[in-house]
N, C-alpha and C. Protein backbone atom coordinates (compact mmCIF):
# COMPACT_ATOMS: atom_id res chain seq x y z
N UNK A 1 21.23 -11.12 2.36
CA UNK A 1 21.79 -10.24 1.37
C UNK A 1 23.23 -10.65 1.11
N UNK A 2 23.62 -10.65 -0.14
CA UNK A 2 24.96 -11.05 -0.50
C UNK A 2 25.81 -9.80 -0.74
N UNK A 3 27.09 -9.88 -0.35
CA UNK A 3 28.00 -8.76 -0.52
C UNK A 3 29.23 -9.21 -1.30
N UNK A 4 29.78 -8.29 -2.09
CA UNK A 4 31.02 -8.61 -2.79
C UNK A 4 32.21 -8.31 -1.86
N UNK A 5 33.43 -8.46 -2.35
CA UNK A 5 34.61 -8.30 -1.50
C UNK A 5 34.84 -6.86 -1.06
N UNK A 6 34.13 -5.88 -1.65
CA UNK A 6 34.27 -4.49 -1.23
C UNK A 6 33.14 -4.04 -0.30
N UNK A 7 32.24 -4.94 0.03
CA UNK A 7 31.17 -4.62 0.96
C UNK A 7 29.91 -4.08 0.31
N UNK A 8 29.81 -4.12 -1.02
CA UNK A 8 28.61 -3.65 -1.71
C UNK A 8 27.65 -4.82 -1.92
N UNK A 9 26.39 -4.52 -1.89
CA UNK A 9 25.38 -5.54 -2.10
C UNK A 9 25.39 -6.01 -3.55
N UNK A 10 25.34 -7.32 -3.74
CA UNK A 10 25.28 -7.87 -5.09
C UNK A 10 23.86 -8.21 -5.49
N UNK A 11 22.91 -8.06 -4.57
CA UNK A 11 21.52 -8.31 -4.86
C UNK A 11 20.88 -7.02 -5.33
N UNK A 12 20.31 -7.05 -6.51
CA UNK A 12 19.67 -5.85 -7.06
C UNK A 12 18.34 -5.62 -6.36
N UNK A 13 18.08 -4.39 -5.96
CA UNK A 13 16.77 -4.12 -5.36
C UNK A 13 15.66 -4.23 -6.41
N UNK A 14 14.48 -4.60 -5.95
CA UNK A 14 13.30 -4.72 -6.79
C UNK A 14 12.27 -3.72 -6.29
N UNK A 15 11.27 -3.49 -7.11
CA UNK A 15 10.16 -2.63 -6.71
C UNK A 15 8.98 -3.49 -6.30
N UNK A 16 8.35 -3.10 -5.21
CA UNK A 16 7.17 -3.78 -4.71
C UNK A 16 6.08 -2.75 -4.43
N UNK A 17 4.84 -3.11 -4.73
CA UNK A 17 3.69 -2.33 -4.29
C UNK A 17 3.15 -3.04 -3.06
N UNK A 18 3.09 -2.32 -1.94
CA UNK A 18 2.71 -2.91 -0.67
C UNK A 18 1.45 -2.20 -0.17
N UNK A 19 0.38 -2.97 0.04
CA UNK A 19 -0.85 -2.42 0.61
C UNK A 19 -0.82 -2.70 2.10
N UNK A 20 -0.89 -1.60 2.87
CA UNK A 20 -0.78 -1.68 4.33
C UNK A 20 -2.13 -1.32 4.94
N UNK A 21 -2.53 -2.07 5.95
CA UNK A 21 -3.76 -1.80 6.69
C UNK A 21 -3.39 -1.30 8.08
N UNK A 22 -4.02 -0.21 8.48
CA UNK A 22 -3.86 0.32 9.83
C UNK A 22 -5.18 0.17 10.56
N UNK A 23 -5.15 -0.48 11.70
CA UNK A 23 -6.37 -0.68 12.47
C UNK A 23 -6.16 -0.20 13.89
N UNK A 24 -7.21 -0.30 14.68
CA UNK A 24 -7.20 0.11 16.09
C UNK A 24 -7.03 1.62 16.24
N UNK A 25 -7.57 2.37 15.28
CA UNK A 25 -7.69 3.82 15.46
C UNK A 25 -9.17 4.10 15.61
N UNK A 26 -9.51 5.26 16.11
CA UNK A 26 -10.91 5.58 16.30
C UNK A 26 -11.08 7.08 16.25
N UNK A 27 -11.90 7.53 15.32
CA UNK A 27 -12.31 8.93 15.35
C UNK A 27 -13.66 9.09 14.71
N UNK A 28 -14.39 10.06 15.21
CA UNK A 28 -15.74 10.33 14.74
C UNK A 28 -15.69 10.99 13.37
N UNK A 29 -16.62 10.60 12.50
CA UNK A 29 -16.73 11.24 11.20
C UNK A 29 -18.13 11.82 11.00
N UNK A 30 -18.84 12.00 12.10
CA UNK A 30 -20.17 12.61 12.11
C UNK A 30 -21.17 11.84 11.28
N UNK A 31 -21.07 10.52 11.30
CA UNK A 31 -22.07 9.64 10.70
C UNK A 31 -22.44 8.61 11.76
N UNK A 32 -23.15 7.58 11.33
CA UNK A 32 -23.61 6.56 12.28
C UNK A 32 -22.47 5.73 12.87
N UNK A 33 -21.41 5.52 12.11
CA UNK A 33 -20.32 4.68 12.61
C UNK A 33 -18.99 5.42 12.51
N UNK A 34 -18.13 5.16 13.46
CA UNK A 34 -16.84 5.84 13.52
C UNK A 34 -15.82 5.13 12.64
N UNK A 35 -14.80 5.87 12.23
CA UNK A 35 -13.69 5.32 11.44
C UNK A 35 -12.84 4.45 12.36
N UNK A 36 -12.54 3.25 11.89
CA UNK A 36 -11.77 2.33 12.73
C UNK A 36 -10.45 1.89 12.09
N UNK A 37 -10.22 2.25 10.82
CA UNK A 37 -8.97 1.84 10.19
C UNK A 37 -8.79 2.49 8.83
N UNK A 38 -7.67 2.15 8.19
CA UNK A 38 -7.37 2.69 6.87
C UNK A 38 -6.55 1.70 6.07
N UNK A 39 -6.57 1.89 4.75
CA UNK A 39 -5.71 1.17 3.82
C UNK A 39 -4.93 2.19 3.03
N UNK A 40 -3.70 1.87 2.71
CA UNK A 40 -2.87 2.73 1.87
C UNK A 40 -1.86 1.86 1.13
N UNK A 41 -1.35 2.39 0.05
CA UNK A 41 -0.39 1.62 -0.77
C UNK A 41 0.89 2.43 -0.93
N UNK A 42 2.02 1.75 -0.85
CA UNK A 42 3.32 2.39 -1.03
C UNK A 42 4.15 1.59 -2.02
N UNK A 43 4.91 2.28 -2.86
CA UNK A 43 5.87 1.62 -3.74
C UNK A 43 7.21 1.67 -3.03
N UNK A 44 7.79 0.49 -2.83
CA UNK A 44 9.00 0.34 -2.03
C UNK A 44 10.07 -0.34 -2.86
N UNK A 45 11.29 0.14 -2.75
CA UNK A 45 12.44 -0.51 -3.37
C UNK A 45 13.14 -1.31 -2.28
N UNK A 46 13.22 -2.63 -2.50
CA UNK A 46 13.81 -3.52 -1.50
C UNK A 46 14.37 -4.76 -2.19
N UNK A 47 15.14 -5.52 -1.44
CA UNK A 47 15.73 -6.73 -2.01
C UNK A 47 14.79 -7.92 -1.97
N UNK A 48 13.84 -7.93 -1.01
CA UNK A 48 12.88 -9.03 -0.93
C UNK A 48 11.58 -8.53 -0.32
N UNK A 49 10.57 -9.40 -0.29
CA UNK A 49 9.25 -9.02 0.20
C UNK A 49 9.26 -8.68 1.69
N UNK A 50 10.03 -9.38 2.46
CA UNK A 50 10.07 -9.12 3.91
C UNK A 50 10.61 -7.72 4.19
N UNK A 51 11.69 -7.35 3.51
CA UNK A 51 12.25 -6.02 3.68
C UNK A 51 11.27 -4.96 3.17
N UNK A 52 10.57 -5.23 2.09
CA UNK A 52 9.58 -4.30 1.56
C UNK A 52 8.45 -4.07 2.56
N UNK A 53 8.01 -5.12 3.21
CA UNK A 53 6.94 -5.00 4.21
C UNK A 53 7.38 -4.12 5.38
N UNK A 54 8.59 -4.34 5.86
CA UNK A 54 9.10 -3.55 6.99
C UNK A 54 9.22 -2.08 6.61
N UNK A 55 9.79 -1.81 5.43
CA UNK A 55 9.96 -0.42 4.99
C UNK A 55 8.62 0.27 4.76
N UNK A 56 7.66 -0.44 4.19
CA UNK A 56 6.35 0.15 3.94
C UNK A 56 5.66 0.53 5.25
N UNK A 57 5.68 -0.38 6.22
CA UNK A 57 5.05 -0.08 7.52
C UNK A 57 5.76 1.09 8.19
N UNK A 58 7.06 1.15 8.08
CA UNK A 58 7.83 2.25 8.67
C UNK A 58 7.44 3.59 8.03
N UNK A 59 7.37 3.62 6.70
CA UNK A 59 6.99 4.85 6.00
C UNK A 59 5.58 5.30 6.35
N UNK A 60 4.66 4.34 6.41
CA UNK A 60 3.27 4.68 6.75
C UNK A 60 3.18 5.24 8.16
N UNK A 61 3.87 4.62 9.09
CA UNK A 61 3.82 5.09 10.48
C UNK A 61 4.39 6.50 10.61
N UNK A 62 5.49 6.77 9.94
CA UNK A 62 6.06 8.13 9.97
C UNK A 62 5.10 9.13 9.36
N UNK A 63 4.55 8.80 8.20
CA UNK A 63 3.60 9.70 7.54
C UNK A 63 2.35 9.91 8.39
N UNK A 64 1.84 8.85 9.00
CA UNK A 64 0.65 8.94 9.85
C UNK A 64 0.90 9.90 11.01
N UNK A 65 2.02 9.76 11.68
CA UNK A 65 2.30 10.61 12.84
C UNK A 65 2.59 12.05 12.45
N UNK A 66 3.18 12.29 11.30
CA UNK A 66 3.49 13.66 10.90
C UNK A 66 2.29 14.39 10.31
N UNK A 67 1.48 13.70 9.51
CA UNK A 67 0.43 14.40 8.76
C UNK A 67 -0.99 14.23 9.30
N UNK A 68 -1.28 13.12 9.94
CA UNK A 68 -2.65 12.87 10.38
C UNK A 68 -2.81 12.84 11.89
N UNK A 69 -1.76 12.60 12.60
CA UNK A 69 -1.86 12.40 14.04
C UNK A 69 -0.83 13.22 14.79
N UNK A 70 -0.62 14.45 14.33
CA UNK A 70 0.40 15.29 14.98
C UNK A 70 0.05 15.62 16.42
N UNK A 71 -1.25 15.68 16.75
CA UNK A 71 -1.63 15.97 18.13
C UNK A 71 -1.78 14.70 18.98
N UNK A 72 -1.53 13.54 18.38
CA UNK A 72 -1.53 12.23 19.05
C UNK A 72 -2.89 11.86 19.66
N UNK A 73 -3.98 12.37 19.10
CA UNK A 73 -5.31 12.05 19.63
C UNK A 73 -5.93 10.82 18.97
N UNK A 74 -5.47 10.47 17.78
CA UNK A 74 -6.08 9.36 17.05
C UNK A 74 -5.49 8.01 17.41
N UNK A 75 -4.38 8.01 18.08
CA UNK A 75 -3.74 6.76 18.46
C UNK A 75 -2.74 6.27 17.43
N UNK A 76 -1.97 5.30 17.82
CA UNK A 76 -0.99 4.69 16.93
C UNK A 76 -1.64 3.47 16.30
N UNK A 77 -1.72 3.41 14.98
CA UNK A 77 -2.39 2.27 14.36
C UNK A 77 -1.57 0.99 14.47
N UNK A 78 -2.27 -0.11 14.52
CA UNK A 78 -1.64 -1.42 14.43
C UNK A 78 -1.54 -1.73 12.94
N UNK A 79 -0.31 -1.83 12.42
CA UNK A 79 -0.10 -1.98 10.98
C UNK A 79 0.18 -3.44 10.62
N UNK A 80 -0.43 -3.87 9.52
CA UNK A 80 -0.09 -5.17 8.95
C UNK A 80 -0.24 -5.08 7.43
N UNK A 81 0.48 -5.92 6.75
CA UNK A 81 0.51 -5.91 5.29
C UNK A 81 -0.61 -6.79 4.75
N UNK A 82 -1.42 -6.21 3.87
CA UNK A 82 -2.51 -6.94 3.23
C UNK A 82 -2.04 -7.65 1.96
N UNK A 83 -1.15 -6.99 1.19
CA UNK A 83 -0.73 -7.55 -0.09
C UNK A 83 0.63 -6.96 -0.48
N UNK A 84 1.48 -7.81 -1.02
CA UNK A 84 2.75 -7.37 -1.60
C UNK A 84 2.82 -7.96 -3.00
N UNK A 85 3.07 -7.10 -3.98
CA UNK A 85 3.24 -7.62 -5.34
C UNK A 85 4.39 -6.90 -6.02
N UNK A 86 5.06 -7.63 -6.92
CA UNK A 86 6.15 -7.05 -7.68
C UNK A 86 5.61 -5.94 -8.57
N UNK A 87 6.42 -4.91 -8.77
CA UNK A 87 6.02 -3.79 -9.61
C UNK A 87 7.12 -3.51 -10.62
N UNK A 88 6.72 -3.03 -11.75
CA UNK A 88 7.65 -2.62 -12.78
C UNK A 88 7.39 -1.13 -13.02
N UNK A 89 8.40 -0.31 -12.79
CA UNK A 89 8.18 1.15 -12.85
C UNK A 89 7.75 1.61 -14.23
N UNK A 90 8.05 0.85 -15.27
CA UNK A 90 7.70 1.28 -16.63
C UNK A 90 6.33 0.78 -17.05
N UNK A 91 5.83 -0.25 -16.39
CA UNK A 91 4.57 -0.85 -16.81
C UNK A 91 3.44 -0.56 -15.84
N UNK A 92 3.70 -0.69 -14.53
CA UNK A 92 2.66 -0.50 -13.53
C UNK A 92 2.50 0.96 -13.16
N UNK A 93 1.27 1.36 -12.98
CA UNK A 93 1.00 2.72 -12.50
C UNK A 93 1.54 2.85 -11.08
N UNK A 94 2.06 4.02 -10.77
CA UNK A 94 2.55 4.26 -9.41
C UNK A 94 1.35 4.50 -8.49
N UNK A 95 1.35 3.89 -7.32
CA UNK A 95 0.23 4.12 -6.40
C UNK A 95 0.31 5.52 -5.79
N UNK A 96 -0.84 6.03 -5.45
CA UNK A 96 -0.86 7.30 -4.73
C UNK A 96 -0.62 6.99 -3.26
N UNK A 97 -0.22 7.99 -2.50
CA UNK A 97 0.01 7.78 -1.07
C UNK A 97 -1.22 8.16 -0.25
N UNK A 98 -2.38 8.07 -0.86
CA UNK A 98 -3.61 8.44 -0.17
C UNK A 98 -4.01 7.38 0.85
N UNK A 99 -4.77 7.83 1.85
CA UNK A 99 -5.32 6.93 2.85
C UNK A 99 -6.79 6.72 2.53
N UNK A 100 -7.23 5.48 2.59
CA UNK A 100 -8.63 5.13 2.37
C UNK A 100 -9.18 4.63 3.71
N UNK A 101 -9.97 5.46 4.36
CA UNK A 101 -10.50 5.14 5.68
C UNK A 101 -11.75 4.29 5.56
N UNK A 102 -11.93 3.39 6.51
CA UNK A 102 -13.11 2.53 6.51
C UNK A 102 -13.73 2.47 7.89
N UNK A 103 -15.04 2.16 7.87
CA UNK A 103 -15.79 2.01 9.11
C UNK A 103 -16.43 0.64 9.22
N UNK A 104 -16.28 -0.20 8.19
CA UNK A 104 -16.83 -1.55 8.20
C UNK A 104 -15.96 -2.45 7.31
N UNK A 105 -16.15 -3.73 7.45
CA UNK A 105 -15.40 -4.68 6.63
C UNK A 105 -15.81 -4.59 5.17
N UNK A 106 -17.06 -4.25 4.90
CA UNK A 106 -17.51 -4.10 3.51
C UNK A 106 -16.80 -2.93 2.85
N UNK A 107 -16.71 -1.82 3.57
CA UNK A 107 -16.00 -0.65 3.02
C UNK A 107 -14.51 -0.94 2.85
N UNK A 108 -13.95 -1.72 3.77
CA UNK A 108 -12.53 -2.10 3.66
C UNK A 108 -12.30 -2.92 2.39
N UNK A 109 -13.19 -3.88 2.10
CA UNK A 109 -13.07 -4.68 0.88
C UNK A 109 -13.16 -3.82 -0.37
N UNK A 110 -14.07 -2.83 -0.37
CA UNK A 110 -14.20 -1.92 -1.51
C UNK A 110 -12.89 -1.15 -1.74
N UNK A 111 -12.33 -0.63 -0.68
CA UNK A 111 -11.08 0.12 -0.79
C UNK A 111 -9.93 -0.78 -1.24
N UNK A 112 -9.90 -2.01 -0.73
CA UNK A 112 -8.85 -2.95 -1.10
C UNK A 112 -8.93 -3.24 -2.60
N UNK A 113 -10.13 -3.49 -3.11
CA UNK A 113 -10.28 -3.74 -4.55
C UNK A 113 -9.84 -2.53 -5.37
N UNK A 114 -10.18 -1.34 -4.91
CA UNK A 114 -9.76 -0.12 -5.60
C UNK A 114 -8.24 0.01 -5.64
N UNK A 115 -7.59 -0.25 -4.52
CA UNK A 115 -6.13 -0.17 -4.48
C UNK A 115 -5.48 -1.22 -5.38
N UNK A 116 -6.04 -2.40 -5.42
CA UNK A 116 -5.49 -3.43 -6.31
C UNK A 116 -5.63 -3.03 -7.77
N UNK A 117 -6.73 -2.41 -8.12
CA UNK A 117 -6.95 -1.98 -9.50
C UNK A 117 -6.13 -0.75 -9.87
N UNK A 118 -5.83 0.09 -8.90
CA UNK A 118 -5.14 1.36 -9.21
C UNK A 118 -3.69 1.17 -9.61
N UNK A 119 -3.08 0.04 -9.28
CA UNK A 119 -1.68 -0.19 -9.65
C UNK A 119 -1.54 -1.21 -10.77
N UNK A 120 -2.64 -1.51 -11.44
CA UNK A 120 -2.56 -2.47 -12.55
C UNK A 120 -1.82 -1.84 -13.72
N UNK A 121 -1.33 -2.66 -14.64
CA UNK A 121 -0.61 -2.11 -15.80
C UNK A 121 -1.48 -1.14 -16.59
N UNK A 122 -0.86 -0.18 -17.20
CA UNK A 122 -1.59 0.85 -17.94
C UNK A 122 -2.02 0.37 -19.32
N UNK A 123 -1.52 -0.78 -19.77
CA UNK A 123 -1.89 -1.31 -21.08
C UNK A 123 -2.86 -2.48 -20.89
N UNK A 124 -3.46 -2.90 -21.97
CA UNK A 124 -4.41 -4.00 -21.95
C UNK A 124 -3.80 -5.19 -22.69
N UNK A 125 -3.76 -6.35 -22.07
CA UNK A 125 -3.16 -7.52 -22.70
C UNK A 125 -4.09 -8.19 -23.72
N UNK A 126 -5.36 -8.18 -23.45
CA UNK A 126 -6.29 -8.85 -24.37
C UNK A 126 -7.05 -7.80 -25.18
N UNK A 127 -7.36 -8.16 -26.39
CA UNK A 127 -8.11 -7.27 -27.27
C UNK A 127 -9.60 -7.60 -27.16
N UNK A 128 -10.44 -6.61 -27.35
CA UNK A 128 -11.87 -6.91 -27.36
C UNK A 128 -12.20 -7.78 -28.57
N UNK A 129 -13.18 -8.63 -28.43
CA UNK A 129 -13.57 -9.52 -29.52
C UNK A 129 -14.13 -8.71 -30.67
N UNK A 130 -13.78 -9.12 -31.88
CA UNK A 130 -14.29 -8.44 -33.07
C UNK A 130 -15.69 -8.93 -33.37
N UNK A 131 -16.48 -8.01 -33.85
CA UNK A 131 -17.84 -8.38 -34.26
C UNK A 131 -17.77 -9.04 -35.62
N UNK A 132 -18.53 -10.11 -35.84
CA UNK A 132 -18.51 -10.74 -37.16
C UNK A 132 -19.14 -9.82 -38.21
N UNK A 133 -18.59 -9.88 -39.39
CA UNK A 133 -19.07 -8.99 -40.45
C UNK A 133 -20.26 -9.56 -41.17
């Protein structure tokens, strides 16, 4: 990070959408297989991708412990970043802070695709093809 002579940062923060995966949790959901992890997305303001990843994992861990694991029975998830992409607050939809729980790799892929689609731009770049007259 660069600083000017008064100690202020000269690097403008950017917006990033960060998809975080939490694994190594375990709880029963009264079906054949137990929940083993989750995916969630956070919009983070940071100067670079590395700082965005750290802040996103920190926010997820705080939210997890306060809202989902207050009794500490579910365990502390092992967090890692699945995807970081630049975001534009005026063009990209803001991600929700919802958790998408999975019990298999197939379900994890489905949730990942959903999260990637949920933050896509709200406009369409290509037009549908016109029918010939």
